[in-house]
Amino acid sequence: MLADLLERNARWSDTINAEEPGYFPRLAQQQSPEFFWIGCSDSRVPANVVAGLDPGEVFVHRNVANVIHSSDMNMLSALEFAVDALRVREIIVCGHYGCGGVKAATEDLPHGLAVHWLEPIRRLARAYAVDLAREDCAEAKQDRLAEFNVIEGVRRVAETPIMQRAWRAKANIRIHGLIYGLKDGRLRDLDSTVGPGHFQQEAAK
């Protein structure tokens, strides 16, 4: 119930104020995050909590299955603000194992508007069908597909005009792909980092 939520908030606020009296005034002054986090809407993967960061240290955009759509104005607006206004230096695309969105993308079931939203993941499943076939169960296939979705997301963020413009202006920004394990609470680097050199490579093609 809403009353319970508000009561929990009051207790949390009182606890923080008792432990660190200047905490909220400090946060209210400004936000200067180093990280921009693009993650899944799943309630079990709150960015600052799993990364061990304070709220003011990470700027966050979340959507179902952390899909990067080149026409998603919400994501693009957040990316532009993070790069141009907040001057972040690290962008993280983070998926997670056990992702309900990835699972839905692999099922031949009606999922309303999510069917359209998750189309990029279905395309990835077709593109990596041989790799996915090597996994020994449906859960392992879905987790591997979640990894491919993150890696593809890093590439698609790097290809946005926002990032190409920033790199052309010599901004030292890197984009990383991470995956979070619900079963152990650990973040894993998928070794898909791209940085300013990516712009140079694209320009040379």
N, C-alpha and C. Protein backbone atom coordinates (compact mmCIF):
# COMPACT_ATOMS: atom_id res chain seq x y z
N MET A 1 0.83 -1.21 0.00
CA MET A 1 0.00 0.00 0.00
C MET A 1 0.87 1.26 0.00
N LEU A 2 0.30 2.35 -0.53
CA LEU A 2 1.04 3.61 -0.60
C LEU A 2 1.45 4.09 0.78
N ALA A 3 0.59 3.93 1.77
CA ALA A 3 0.91 4.37 3.12
C ALA A 3 2.16 3.66 3.65
N ASP A 4 2.29 2.38 3.34
CA ASP A 4 3.47 1.63 3.76
C ASP A 4 4.72 2.17 3.08
N LEU A 5 4.60 2.47 1.79
CA LEU A 5 5.75 3.01 1.06
C LEU A 5 6.20 4.33 1.66
N LEU A 6 5.25 5.22 1.96
CA LEU A 6 5.60 6.51 2.53
C LEU A 6 6.22 6.37 3.91
N GLU A 7 5.74 5.40 4.68
CA GLU A 7 6.31 5.16 6.00
C GLU A 7 7.73 4.65 5.88
N ARG A 8 7.96 3.76 4.93
CA ARG A 8 9.32 3.25 4.71
C ARG A 8 10.25 4.38 4.29
N ASN A 9 9.75 5.27 3.43
CA ASN A 9 10.56 6.41 3.00
C ASN A 9 10.94 7.28 4.19
N ALA A 10 9.99 7.55 5.07
CA ALA A 10 10.27 8.39 6.23
C ALA A 10 11.33 7.76 7.12
N ARG A 11 11.23 6.45 7.34
CA ARG A 11 12.22 5.76 8.17
C ARG A 11 13.60 5.80 7.51
N TRP A 12 13.61 5.59 6.19
CA TRP A 12 14.88 5.63 5.46
C TRP A 12 15.51 7.01 5.55
N SER A 13 14.71 8.06 5.33
CA SER A 13 15.21 9.42 5.40
C SER A 13 15.75 9.74 6.79
N ASP A 14 15.02 9.35 7.82
CA ASP A 14 15.47 9.61 9.19
C ASP A 14 16.77 8.88 9.49
N THR A 15 16.89 7.67 9.01
CA THR A 15 18.11 6.89 9.24
C THR A 15 19.31 7.53 8.57
N ILE A 16 19.14 7.95 7.30
CA ILE A 16 20.24 8.59 6.57
C ILE A 16 20.64 9.89 7.25
N ASN A 17 19.66 10.69 7.65
CA ASN A 17 19.96 11.96 8.31
C ASN A 17 20.70 11.76 9.62
N ALA A 18 20.36 10.70 10.34
CA ALA A 18 21.02 10.42 11.61
C ALA A 18 22.46 9.97 11.39
N GLU A 19 22.67 9.17 10.35
CA GLU A 19 24.00 8.62 10.07
C GLU A 19 24.91 9.63 9.38
N GLU A 20 24.33 10.46 8.50
CA GLU A 20 25.11 11.43 7.74
C GLU A 20 24.27 12.69 7.53
N PRO A 21 24.31 13.62 8.50
CA PRO A 21 23.42 14.80 8.45
C PRO A 21 23.50 15.62 7.17
N GLY A 22 24.64 15.64 6.52
CA GLY A 22 24.78 16.46 5.32
C GLY A 22 24.47 15.76 4.02
N TYR A 23 23.97 14.53 4.10
CA TYR A 23 23.79 13.70 2.90
C TYR A 23 22.82 14.34 1.89
N PHE A 24 21.60 14.65 2.32
CA PHE A 24 20.61 15.18 1.39
C PHE A 24 20.94 16.59 0.91
N PRO A 25 21.41 17.50 1.78
CA PRO A 25 21.83 18.81 1.27
C PRO A 25 22.94 18.70 0.22
N ARG A 26 23.85 17.75 0.43
CA ARG A 26 24.93 17.56 -0.56
C ARG A 26 24.36 17.09 -1.90
N LEU A 27 23.45 16.11 -1.88
CA LEU A 27 22.84 15.63 -3.12
C LEU A 27 22.04 16.72 -3.82
N ALA A 28 21.39 17.58 -3.02
CA ALA A 28 20.53 18.61 -3.61
C ALA A 28 21.33 19.68 -4.35
N GLN A 29 22.60 19.85 -4.02
CA GLN A 29 23.41 20.90 -4.62
C GLN A 29 23.63 20.68 -6.11
N GLN A 30 23.96 19.46 -6.49
CA GLN A 30 24.24 19.17 -7.89
C GLN A 30 24.31 17.66 -8.08
N GLN A 31 24.19 17.26 -9.35
CA GLN A 31 24.51 15.88 -9.68
C GLN A 31 25.68 15.90 -10.64
N SER A 32 26.71 15.17 -10.33
CA SER A 32 27.89 15.11 -11.20
C SER A 32 28.32 13.66 -11.35
N PRO A 33 27.46 12.84 -11.95
CA PRO A 33 27.77 11.41 -12.06
C PRO A 33 28.88 11.15 -13.06
N GLU A 34 29.65 10.13 -12.79
CA GLU A 34 30.67 9.68 -13.73
C GLU A 34 30.08 8.68 -14.72
N PHE A 35 28.99 8.02 -14.30
CA PHE A 35 28.43 6.92 -15.09
C PHE A 35 27.04 7.24 -15.62
N PHE A 36 26.78 6.81 -16.86
CA PHE A 36 25.43 6.77 -17.40
C PHE A 36 25.10 5.30 -17.61
N TRP A 37 24.03 4.86 -16.97
CA TRP A 37 23.66 3.43 -16.93
C TRP A 37 22.39 3.21 -17.75
N ILE A 38 22.47 2.36 -18.76
CA ILE A 38 21.30 1.96 -19.53
C ILE A 38 21.01 0.51 -19.15
N GLY A 39 19.92 0.30 -18.41
CA GLY A 39 19.66 -1.03 -17.87
C GLY A 39 18.24 -1.47 -18.08
N CYS A 40 17.93 -2.62 -17.53
CA CYS A 40 16.61 -3.21 -17.63
C CYS A 40 15.70 -2.65 -16.54
N SER A 41 14.41 -2.58 -16.84
CA SER A 41 13.43 -2.07 -15.88
C SER A 41 13.17 -3.04 -14.72
N ASP A 42 13.68 -4.24 -14.81
CA ASP A 42 13.46 -5.25 -13.77
C ASP A 42 13.75 -4.67 -12.38
N SER A 43 12.80 -4.83 -11.48
CA SER A 43 12.91 -4.22 -10.14
C SER A 43 14.05 -4.81 -9.32
N ARG A 44 14.60 -5.94 -9.76
CA ARG A 44 15.69 -6.58 -9.02
C ARG A 44 17.06 -6.05 -9.41
N VAL A 45 17.11 -5.10 -10.34
CA VAL A 45 18.40 -4.62 -10.83
C VAL A 45 18.48 -3.09 -10.77
N PRO A 46 18.36 -2.49 -9.56
CA PRO A 46 18.51 -1.04 -9.44
C PRO A 46 19.98 -0.64 -9.59
N ALA A 47 20.25 0.27 -10.50
CA ALA A 47 21.62 0.56 -10.90
C ALA A 47 22.55 0.92 -9.75
N ASN A 48 22.18 1.94 -8.96
CA ASN A 48 23.11 2.40 -7.93
C ASN A 48 23.31 1.34 -6.84
N VAL A 49 22.28 0.52 -6.59
CA VAL A 49 22.40 -0.51 -5.55
C VAL A 49 23.37 -1.59 -5.98
N VAL A 50 23.18 -2.17 -7.19
CA VAL A 50 24.04 -3.29 -7.60
C VAL A 50 25.46 -2.82 -7.90
N ALA A 51 25.63 -1.53 -8.23
CA ALA A 51 26.97 -1.01 -8.50
C ALA A 51 27.63 -0.44 -7.25
N GLY A 52 26.90 -0.42 -6.13
CA GLY A 52 27.47 0.11 -4.90
C GLY A 52 27.74 1.60 -4.94
N LEU A 53 26.87 2.35 -5.64
CA LEU A 53 27.06 3.79 -5.81
C LEU A 53 25.95 4.57 -5.12
N ASP A 54 26.27 5.81 -4.74
CA ASP A 54 25.24 6.71 -4.25
C ASP A 54 24.38 7.18 -5.43
N PRO A 55 23.14 7.60 -5.17
CA PRO A 55 22.26 8.05 -6.26
C PRO A 55 22.88 9.13 -7.15
N GLY A 56 23.62 10.06 -6.59
CA GLY A 56 24.21 11.14 -7.37
C GLY A 56 25.40 10.73 -8.21
N GLU A 57 25.82 9.47 -8.11
CA GLU A 57 27.01 9.02 -8.83
C GLU A 57 26.69 8.29 -10.13
N VAL A 58 25.40 8.07 -10.40
CA VAL A 58 25.05 7.37 -11.64
C VAL A 58 23.74 7.94 -12.17
N PHE A 59 23.75 8.28 -13.46
CA PHE A 59 22.57 8.77 -14.18
C PHE A 59 21.97 7.57 -14.90
N VAL A 60 20.66 7.38 -14.80
CA VAL A 60 20.08 6.09 -15.19
C VAL A 60 18.96 6.22 -16.21
N HIS A 61 18.99 5.33 -17.19
CA HIS A 61 17.86 5.11 -18.09
C HIS A 61 17.58 3.62 -18.10
N ARG A 62 16.28 3.26 -17.95
CA ARG A 62 15.93 1.84 -17.93
C ARG A 62 14.73 1.58 -18.84
N ASN A 63 14.74 0.40 -19.47
CA ASN A 63 13.58 -0.02 -20.25
C ASN A 63 13.50 -1.54 -20.22
N VAL A 64 12.44 -2.09 -20.78
CA VAL A 64 12.27 -3.55 -20.77
C VAL A 64 13.39 -4.20 -21.57
N ALA A 65 14.16 -5.04 -20.89
CA ALA A 65 15.25 -5.82 -21.51
C ALA A 65 16.40 -4.98 -22.04
N ASN A 66 16.55 -3.76 -21.51
CA ASN A 66 17.66 -2.88 -21.90
C ASN A 66 17.93 -2.89 -23.41
N VAL A 67 16.86 -2.74 -24.19
CA VAL A 67 16.98 -2.73 -25.65
C VAL A 67 17.34 -1.33 -26.13
N ILE A 68 18.27 -1.25 -27.06
CA ILE A 68 18.65 0.03 -27.64
C ILE A 68 17.98 0.16 -29.01
N HIS A 69 16.96 1.01 -29.07
CA HIS A 69 16.28 1.31 -30.33
C HIS A 69 16.81 2.65 -30.85
N SER A 70 17.21 2.70 -32.10
CA SER A 70 17.75 3.95 -32.65
C SER A 70 16.70 5.05 -32.73
N SER A 71 15.41 4.69 -32.59
CA SER A 71 14.34 5.69 -32.64
C SER A 71 13.74 5.99 -31.27
N ASP A 72 14.35 5.48 -30.21
CA ASP A 72 13.83 5.67 -28.86
C ASP A 72 14.25 7.05 -28.35
N MET A 73 13.35 8.02 -28.49
CA MET A 73 13.69 9.39 -28.12
C MET A 73 13.94 9.55 -26.63
N ASN A 74 13.32 8.72 -25.82
CA ASN A 74 13.57 8.77 -24.38
C ASN A 74 15.03 8.44 -24.09
N MET A 75 15.48 7.31 -24.62
CA MET A 75 16.87 6.91 -24.41
C MET A 75 17.84 7.92 -25.01
N LEU A 76 17.55 8.36 -26.24
CA LEU A 76 18.45 9.29 -26.91
C LEU A 76 18.54 10.62 -26.17
N SER A 77 17.42 11.08 -25.63
CA SER A 77 17.43 12.34 -24.86
C SER A 77 18.27 12.19 -23.60
N ALA A 78 18.12 11.04 -22.93
CA ALA A 78 18.91 10.79 -21.72
C ALA A 78 20.39 10.68 -22.06
N LEU A 79 20.70 10.01 -23.17
CA LEU A 79 22.10 9.88 -23.60
C LEU A 79 22.70 11.24 -23.91
N GLU A 80 21.96 12.04 -24.65
CA GLU A 80 22.46 13.38 -25.01
C GLU A 80 22.69 14.23 -23.76
N PHE A 81 21.76 14.18 -22.82
CA PHE A 81 21.91 14.96 -21.59
C PHE A 81 23.12 14.46 -20.79
N ALA A 82 23.29 13.14 -20.73
CA ALA A 82 24.42 12.57 -19.99
C ALA A 82 25.75 13.01 -20.59
N VAL A 83 25.82 13.00 -21.91
CA VAL A 83 27.07 13.33 -22.61
C VAL A 83 27.33 14.83 -22.64
N ASP A 84 26.33 15.60 -23.02
CA ASP A 84 26.54 17.04 -23.24
C ASP A 84 26.43 17.88 -21.98
N ALA A 85 25.51 17.54 -21.10
CA ALA A 85 25.29 18.37 -19.91
C ALA A 85 26.02 17.84 -18.68
N LEU A 86 25.94 16.53 -18.46
CA LEU A 86 26.56 15.96 -17.26
C LEU A 86 28.02 15.59 -17.47
N ARG A 87 28.44 15.50 -18.72
CA ARG A 87 29.84 15.19 -19.05
C ARG A 87 30.28 13.84 -18.46
N VAL A 88 29.43 12.85 -18.54
CA VAL A 88 29.83 11.52 -18.05
C VAL A 88 30.99 11.01 -18.89
N ARG A 89 31.77 10.12 -18.30
CA ARG A 89 32.91 9.54 -19.00
C ARG A 89 32.78 8.04 -19.21
N GLU A 90 31.82 7.43 -18.52
CA GLU A 90 31.63 5.98 -18.67
C GLU A 90 30.14 5.71 -18.90
N ILE A 91 29.83 5.04 -20.00
CA ILE A 91 28.46 4.63 -20.30
C ILE A 91 28.39 3.11 -20.17
N ILE A 92 27.39 2.64 -19.45
CA ILE A 92 27.25 1.20 -19.22
C ILE A 92 25.91 0.72 -19.77
N VAL A 93 25.97 -0.28 -20.64
CA VAL A 93 24.77 -1.00 -21.04
C VAL A 93 24.77 -2.28 -20.22
N CYS A 94 23.76 -2.45 -19.37
CA CYS A 94 23.76 -3.59 -18.44
C CYS A 94 22.49 -4.42 -18.59
N GLY A 95 22.68 -5.69 -18.91
CA GLY A 95 21.58 -6.63 -18.91
C GLY A 95 21.68 -7.52 -17.69
N HIS A 96 20.85 -8.54 -17.63
CA HIS A 96 20.95 -9.47 -16.50
C HIS A 96 20.47 -10.85 -16.90
N TYR A 97 21.02 -11.83 -16.25
CA TYR A 97 20.58 -13.21 -16.45
C TYR A 97 19.17 -13.36 -15.86
N GLY A 98 18.41 -14.27 -16.45
CA GLY A 98 17.04 -14.46 -15.98
C GLY A 98 16.13 -13.32 -16.38
N CYS A 99 16.42 -12.66 -17.50
CA CYS A 99 15.65 -11.49 -17.94
C CYS A 99 14.31 -11.92 -18.52
N GLY A 100 13.23 -11.40 -17.96
CA GLY A 100 11.89 -11.74 -18.44
C GLY A 100 11.64 -11.25 -19.86
N GLY A 101 12.22 -10.11 -20.21
CA GLY A 101 12.06 -9.58 -21.57
C GLY A 101 12.72 -10.47 -22.60
N VAL A 102 13.91 -10.95 -22.29
CA VAL A 102 14.60 -11.87 -23.20
C VAL A 102 13.81 -13.16 -23.33
N LYS A 103 13.31 -13.66 -22.22
CA LYS A 103 12.51 -14.88 -22.25
C LYS A 103 11.26 -14.69 -23.12
N ALA A 104 10.58 -13.55 -22.95
CA ALA A 104 9.39 -13.26 -23.74
C ALA A 104 9.70 -13.20 -25.24
N ALA A 105 10.89 -12.69 -25.57
CA ALA A 105 11.28 -12.59 -26.97
C ALA A 105 11.49 -13.95 -27.62
N THR A 106 11.73 -14.97 -26.81
CA THR A 106 11.98 -16.31 -27.35
C THR A 106 10.73 -17.18 -27.34
N GLU A 107 9.62 -16.65 -26.84
CA GLU A 107 8.39 -17.42 -26.74
C GLU A 107 7.41 -17.06 -27.86
N ASP A 108 6.72 -18.03 -28.36
CA ASP A 108 5.71 -17.78 -29.38
C ASP A 108 4.36 -17.56 -28.70
N LEU A 109 4.31 -16.50 -27.91
CA LEU A 109 3.11 -16.18 -27.14
C LEU A 109 2.77 -14.70 -27.32
N PRO A 110 1.51 -14.32 -27.20
CA PRO A 110 1.14 -12.90 -27.33
C PRO A 110 1.62 -12.11 -26.12
N HIS A 111 2.32 -11.00 -26.36
CA HIS A 111 2.81 -10.16 -25.27
C HIS A 111 2.48 -8.68 -25.50
N GLY A 112 1.42 -8.41 -26.27
CA GLY A 112 0.99 -7.03 -26.47
C GLY A 112 2.07 -6.19 -27.15
N LEU A 113 2.21 -4.95 -26.69
CA LEU A 113 3.19 -4.03 -27.28
C LEU A 113 4.62 -4.52 -27.12
N ALA A 114 4.85 -5.37 -26.12
CA ALA A 114 6.20 -5.89 -25.92
C ALA A 114 6.69 -6.68 -27.12
N VAL A 115 5.76 -7.25 -27.90
CA VAL A 115 6.16 -7.99 -29.11
C VAL A 115 6.95 -7.07 -30.03
N HIS A 116 6.50 -5.84 -30.18
CA HIS A 116 7.19 -4.89 -31.06
C HIS A 116 8.50 -4.41 -30.41
N TRP A 117 8.44 -4.11 -29.13
CA TRP A 117 9.62 -3.61 -28.44
C TRP A 117 10.77 -4.61 -28.47
N LEU A 118 10.45 -5.89 -28.36
CA LEU A 118 11.47 -6.93 -28.23
C LEU A 118 11.95 -7.48 -29.57
N GLU A 119 11.47 -6.92 -30.68
CA GLU A 119 11.87 -7.42 -32.00
C GLU A 119 13.38 -7.48 -32.20
N PRO A 120 14.16 -6.47 -31.74
CA PRO A 120 15.62 -6.58 -31.92
C PRO A 120 16.22 -7.83 -31.26
N ILE A 121 15.64 -8.27 -30.17
CA ILE A 121 16.16 -9.47 -29.51
C ILE A 121 15.83 -10.71 -30.33
N ARG A 122 14.65 -10.73 -30.94
CA ARG A 122 14.31 -11.86 -31.82
C ARG A 122 15.24 -11.90 -33.03
N ARG A 123 15.60 -10.74 -33.54
CA ARG A 123 16.56 -10.70 -34.66
C ARG A 123 17.91 -11.25 -34.23
N LEU A 124 18.33 -10.89 -33.02
CA LEU A 124 19.59 -11.42 -32.52
C LEU A 124 19.53 -12.93 -32.37
N ALA A 125 18.39 -13.45 -31.90
CA ALA A 125 18.24 -14.89 -31.73
C ALA A 125 18.40 -15.60 -33.07
N ARG A 126 17.88 -15.00 -34.13
CA ARG A 126 18.03 -15.61 -35.46
C ARG A 126 19.48 -15.50 -35.93
N ALA A 127 20.10 -14.35 -35.69
CA ALA A 127 21.48 -14.14 -36.16
C ALA A 127 22.47 -15.05 -35.45
N TYR A 128 22.20 -15.36 -34.18
CA TYR A 128 23.13 -16.19 -33.39
C TYR A 128 22.55 -17.57 -33.10
N ALA A 129 21.71 -18.04 -34.01
CA ALA A 129 21.05 -19.33 -33.80
C ALA A 129 22.05 -20.47 -33.60
N VAL A 130 23.14 -20.46 -34.34
CA VAL A 130 24.15 -21.53 -34.23
C VAL A 130 24.80 -21.50 -32.85
N ASP A 131 25.17 -20.31 -32.38
CA ASP A 131 25.79 -20.19 -31.05
C ASP A 131 24.81 -20.60 -29.95
N LEU A 132 23.58 -20.18 -30.07
CA LEU A 132 22.59 -20.49 -29.04
C LEU A 132 22.29 -21.98 -29.00
N ALA A 133 22.37 -22.63 -30.14
CA ALA A 133 22.08 -24.07 -30.21
C ALA A 133 23.11 -24.89 -29.43
N ARG A 134 24.25 -24.31 -29.14
CA ARG A 134 25.29 -25.03 -28.39
C ARG A 134 24.97 -25.10 -26.90
N GLU A 135 24.06 -24.25 -26.43
CA GLU A 135 23.70 -24.26 -25.02
C GLU A 135 22.77 -25.44 -24.73
N ASP A 136 22.88 -25.98 -23.52
CA ASP A 136 22.22 -27.26 -23.24
C ASP A 136 20.81 -27.15 -22.67
N CYS A 137 20.30 -25.96 -22.42
CA CYS A 137 18.93 -25.84 -21.91
C CYS A 137 18.38 -24.46 -22.26
N ALA A 138 17.06 -24.31 -22.12
CA ALA A 138 16.41 -23.05 -22.49
C ALA A 138 16.93 -21.87 -21.66
N GLU A 139 17.16 -22.09 -20.37
CA GLU A 139 17.66 -21.01 -19.51
C GLU A 139 19.03 -20.54 -19.96
N ALA A 140 19.90 -21.48 -20.29
CA ALA A 140 21.26 -21.12 -20.75
C ALA A 140 21.19 -20.37 -22.08
N LYS A 141 20.29 -20.78 -22.96
CA LYS A 141 20.13 -20.09 -24.25
C LYS A 141 19.68 -18.65 -24.02
N GLN A 142 18.72 -18.48 -23.12
CA GLN A 142 18.22 -17.13 -22.84
C GLN A 142 19.28 -16.26 -22.20
N ASP A 143 20.08 -16.83 -21.31
CA ASP A 143 21.15 -16.05 -20.68
C ASP A 143 22.21 -15.66 -21.70
N ARG A 144 22.52 -16.55 -22.62
CA ARG A 144 23.50 -16.22 -23.67
C ARG A 144 22.93 -15.14 -24.58
N LEU A 145 21.64 -15.23 -24.87
CA LEU A 145 20.99 -14.21 -25.69
C LEU A 145 20.99 -12.86 -24.98
N ALA A 146 20.84 -12.88 -23.66
CA ALA A 146 20.91 -11.63 -22.88
C ALA A 146 22.29 -10.99 -23.04
N GLU A 147 23.34 -11.81 -23.09
CA GLU A 147 24.69 -11.30 -23.32
C GLU A 147 24.81 -10.68 -24.71
N PHE A 148 24.30 -11.39 -25.72
CA PHE A 148 24.34 -10.85 -27.09
C PHE A 148 23.58 -9.53 -27.17
N ASN A 149 22.48 -9.42 -26.45
CA ASN A 149 21.68 -8.20 -26.46
C ASN A 149 22.47 -7.02 -25.88
N VAL A 150 23.24 -7.26 -24.83
CA VAL A 150 24.07 -6.21 -24.25
C VAL A 150 25.16 -5.78 -25.24
N ILE A 151 25.85 -6.75 -25.82
CA ILE A 151 26.93 -6.45 -26.76
C ILE A 151 26.41 -5.66 -27.96
N GLU A 152 25.23 -6.07 -28.46
CA GLU A 152 24.60 -5.34 -29.55
C GLU A 152 24.22 -3.93 -29.10
N GLY A 153 23.77 -3.80 -27.85
CA GLY A 153 23.41 -2.49 -27.32
C GLY A 153 24.59 -1.55 -27.27
N VAL A 154 25.75 -2.05 -26.87
CA VAL A 154 26.97 -1.23 -26.86
C VAL A 154 27.26 -0.71 -28.27
N ARG A 155 27.17 -1.60 -29.24
CA ARG A 155 27.44 -1.21 -30.62
C ARG A 155 26.46 -0.15 -31.10
N ARG A 156 25.19 -0.33 -30.77
CA ARG A 156 24.17 0.61 -31.24
C ARG A 156 24.29 1.98 -30.56
N VAL A 157 24.68 2.00 -29.29
CA VAL A 157 24.93 3.29 -28.63
C VAL A 157 26.11 3.99 -29.30
N ALA A 158 27.15 3.22 -29.59
CA ALA A 158 28.35 3.80 -30.22
C ALA A 158 28.04 4.39 -31.58
N GLU A 159 27.06 3.86 -32.26
CA GLU A 159 26.74 4.32 -33.61
C GLU A 159 25.80 5.52 -33.64
N THR A 160 25.28 5.94 -32.49
CA THR A 160 24.36 7.08 -32.48
C THR A 160 25.09 8.36 -32.88
N PRO A 161 24.43 9.27 -33.56
CA PRO A 161 25.04 10.56 -33.88
C PRO A 161 25.54 11.28 -32.63
N ILE A 162 24.89 11.06 -31.50
CA ILE A 162 25.31 11.70 -30.25
C ILE A 162 26.73 11.29 -29.89
N MET A 163 27.00 9.99 -29.93
CA MET A 163 28.34 9.52 -29.58
C MET A 163 29.35 9.86 -30.67
N GLN A 164 28.96 9.74 -31.92
CA GLN A 164 29.89 10.07 -33.00
C GLN A 164 30.30 11.54 -32.91
N ARG A 165 29.35 12.42 -32.59
CA ARG A 165 29.65 13.84 -32.43
C ARG A 165 30.57 14.09 -31.24
N ALA A 166 30.29 13.39 -30.13
CA ALA A 166 31.12 13.56 -28.93
C ALA A 166 32.55 13.12 -29.18
N TRP A 167 32.71 11.99 -29.84
CA TRP A 167 34.07 11.50 -30.12
C TRP A 167 34.79 12.41 -31.13
N ARG A 168 34.02 12.95 -32.07
CA ARG A 168 34.62 13.88 -33.04
C ARG A 168 35.15 15.11 -32.32
N ALA A 169 34.49 15.48 -31.21
CA ALA A 169 34.91 16.64 -30.41
C ALA A 169 35.96 16.26 -29.36
N LYS A 170 36.50 15.04 -29.47
CA LYS A 170 37.59 14.56 -28.60
C LYS A 170 37.14 14.22 -27.18
N ALA A 171 35.86 13.95 -27.00
CA ALA A 171 35.39 13.54 -25.67
C ALA A 171 35.91 12.13 -25.37
N ASN A 172 36.48 11.97 -24.20
CA ASN A 172 37.06 10.67 -23.81
C ASN A 172 36.00 9.85 -23.07
N ILE A 173 35.06 9.31 -23.84
CA ILE A 173 33.95 8.54 -23.28
C ILE A 173 34.05 7.10 -23.76
N ARG A 174 33.87 6.18 -22.83
CA ARG A 174 33.88 4.76 -23.18
C ARG A 174 32.52 4.14 -22.89
N ILE A 175 32.16 3.17 -23.70
CA ILE A 175 30.90 2.45 -23.53
C ILE A 175 31.22 1.00 -23.19
N HIS A 176 30.62 0.49 -22.12
CA HIS A 176 30.91 -0.85 -21.64
C HIS A 176 29.65 -1.72 -21.64
N GLY A 177 29.83 -3.00 -21.79
CA GLY A 177 28.74 -3.95 -21.69
C GLY A 177 28.91 -4.84 -20.47
N LEU A 178 27.93 -4.81 -19.56
CA LEU A 178 27.99 -5.62 -18.35
C LEU A 178 26.74 -6.50 -18.27
N ILE A 179 26.86 -7.60 -17.55
CA ILE A 179 25.72 -8.48 -17.29
C ILE A 179 25.68 -8.76 -15.79
N TYR A 180 24.48 -8.74 -15.24
CA TYR A 180 24.30 -8.91 -13.79
C TYR A 180 23.68 -10.26 -13.50
N GLY A 181 24.22 -10.95 -12.49
CA GLY A 181 23.70 -12.25 -12.09
C GLY A 181 22.74 -12.13 -10.93
N LEU A 182 21.48 -12.43 -11.17
CA LEU A 182 20.49 -12.37 -10.09
C LEU A 182 20.82 -13.37 -8.98
N LYS A 183 21.45 -14.48 -9.34
CA LYS A 183 21.68 -15.54 -8.38
C LYS A 183 22.88 -15.31 -7.47
N ASP A 184 23.79 -14.43 -7.89
CA ASP A 184 24.97 -14.17 -7.05
C ASP A 184 25.24 -12.69 -6.82
N GLY A 185 24.47 -11.80 -7.46
CA GLY A 185 24.64 -10.37 -7.24
C GLY A 185 25.90 -9.78 -7.84
N ARG A 186 26.52 -10.48 -8.79
CA ARG A 186 27.79 -10.00 -9.36
C ARG A 186 27.60 -9.44 -10.76
N LEU A 187 28.33 -8.35 -11.04
CA LEU A 187 28.40 -7.79 -12.38
C LEU A 187 29.58 -8.41 -13.12
N ARG A 188 29.38 -8.73 -14.38
CA ARG A 188 30.44 -9.31 -15.20
C ARG A 188 30.67 -8.47 -16.45
N ASP A 189 31.94 -8.23 -16.76
CA ASP A 189 32.32 -7.46 -17.93
C ASP A 189 32.28 -8.38 -19.15
N LEU A 190 31.54 -7.99 -20.18
CA LEU A 190 31.42 -8.81 -21.39
C LEU A 190 32.49 -8.46 -22.43
N ASP A 191 33.49 -7.69 -22.02
CA ASP A 191 34.63 -7.38 -22.90
C ASP A 191 34.17 -6.81 -24.24
N SER A 192 33.27 -5.87 -24.18
CA SER A 192 32.74 -5.28 -25.42
C SER A 192 32.92 -3.76 -25.44
N THR A 193 33.87 -3.27 -24.64
CA THR A 193 34.09 -1.82 -24.49
C THR A 193 34.52 -1.18 -25.81
N VAL A 194 33.92 -0.04 -26.11
CA VAL A 194 34.37 0.79 -27.23
C VAL A 194 34.59 2.21 -26.72
N GLY A 195 35.49 2.92 -27.39
CA GLY A 195 35.81 4.28 -26.97
C GLY A 195 36.06 5.18 -28.15
N PRO A 196 36.80 6.27 -27.95
CA PRO A 196 37.03 7.23 -29.04
C PRO A 196 37.61 6.60 -30.30
N GLY A 197 38.40 5.56 -30.14
CA GLY A 197 38.97 4.89 -31.30
C GLY A 197 37.93 4.31 -32.23
N HIS A 198 36.75 4.00 -31.68
CA HIS A 198 35.68 3.45 -32.49
C HIS A 198 35.22 4.45 -33.54
N PHE A 199 35.18 5.72 -33.16
CA PHE A 199 34.80 6.77 -34.12
C PHE A 199 35.81 6.83 -35.25
N GLN A 200 37.10 6.74 -34.91
CA GLN A 200 38.13 6.80 -35.93
C GLN A 200 38.02 5.62 -36.89
N GLN A 201 37.74 4.43 -36.33
CA GLN A 201 37.58 3.25 -37.18
C GLN A 201 36.40 3.40 -38.11
N GLU A 202 35.26 3.91 -37.58
CA GLU A 202 34.07 4.08 -38.40
C GLU A 202 34.31 5.11 -39.49
N ALA A 203 35.02 6.18 -39.14
CA ALA A 203 35.27 7.25 -40.10
C ALA A 203 36.18 6.78 -41.24
N ALA A 204 37.05 5.81 -40.92
CA ALA A 204 38.00 5.32 -41.91
C ALA A 204 37.36 4.36 -42.91
N LYS A 205 36.17 3.84 -42.58
CA LYS A 205 35.53 2.87 -43.47
C LYS A 205 34.98 3.54 -44.74
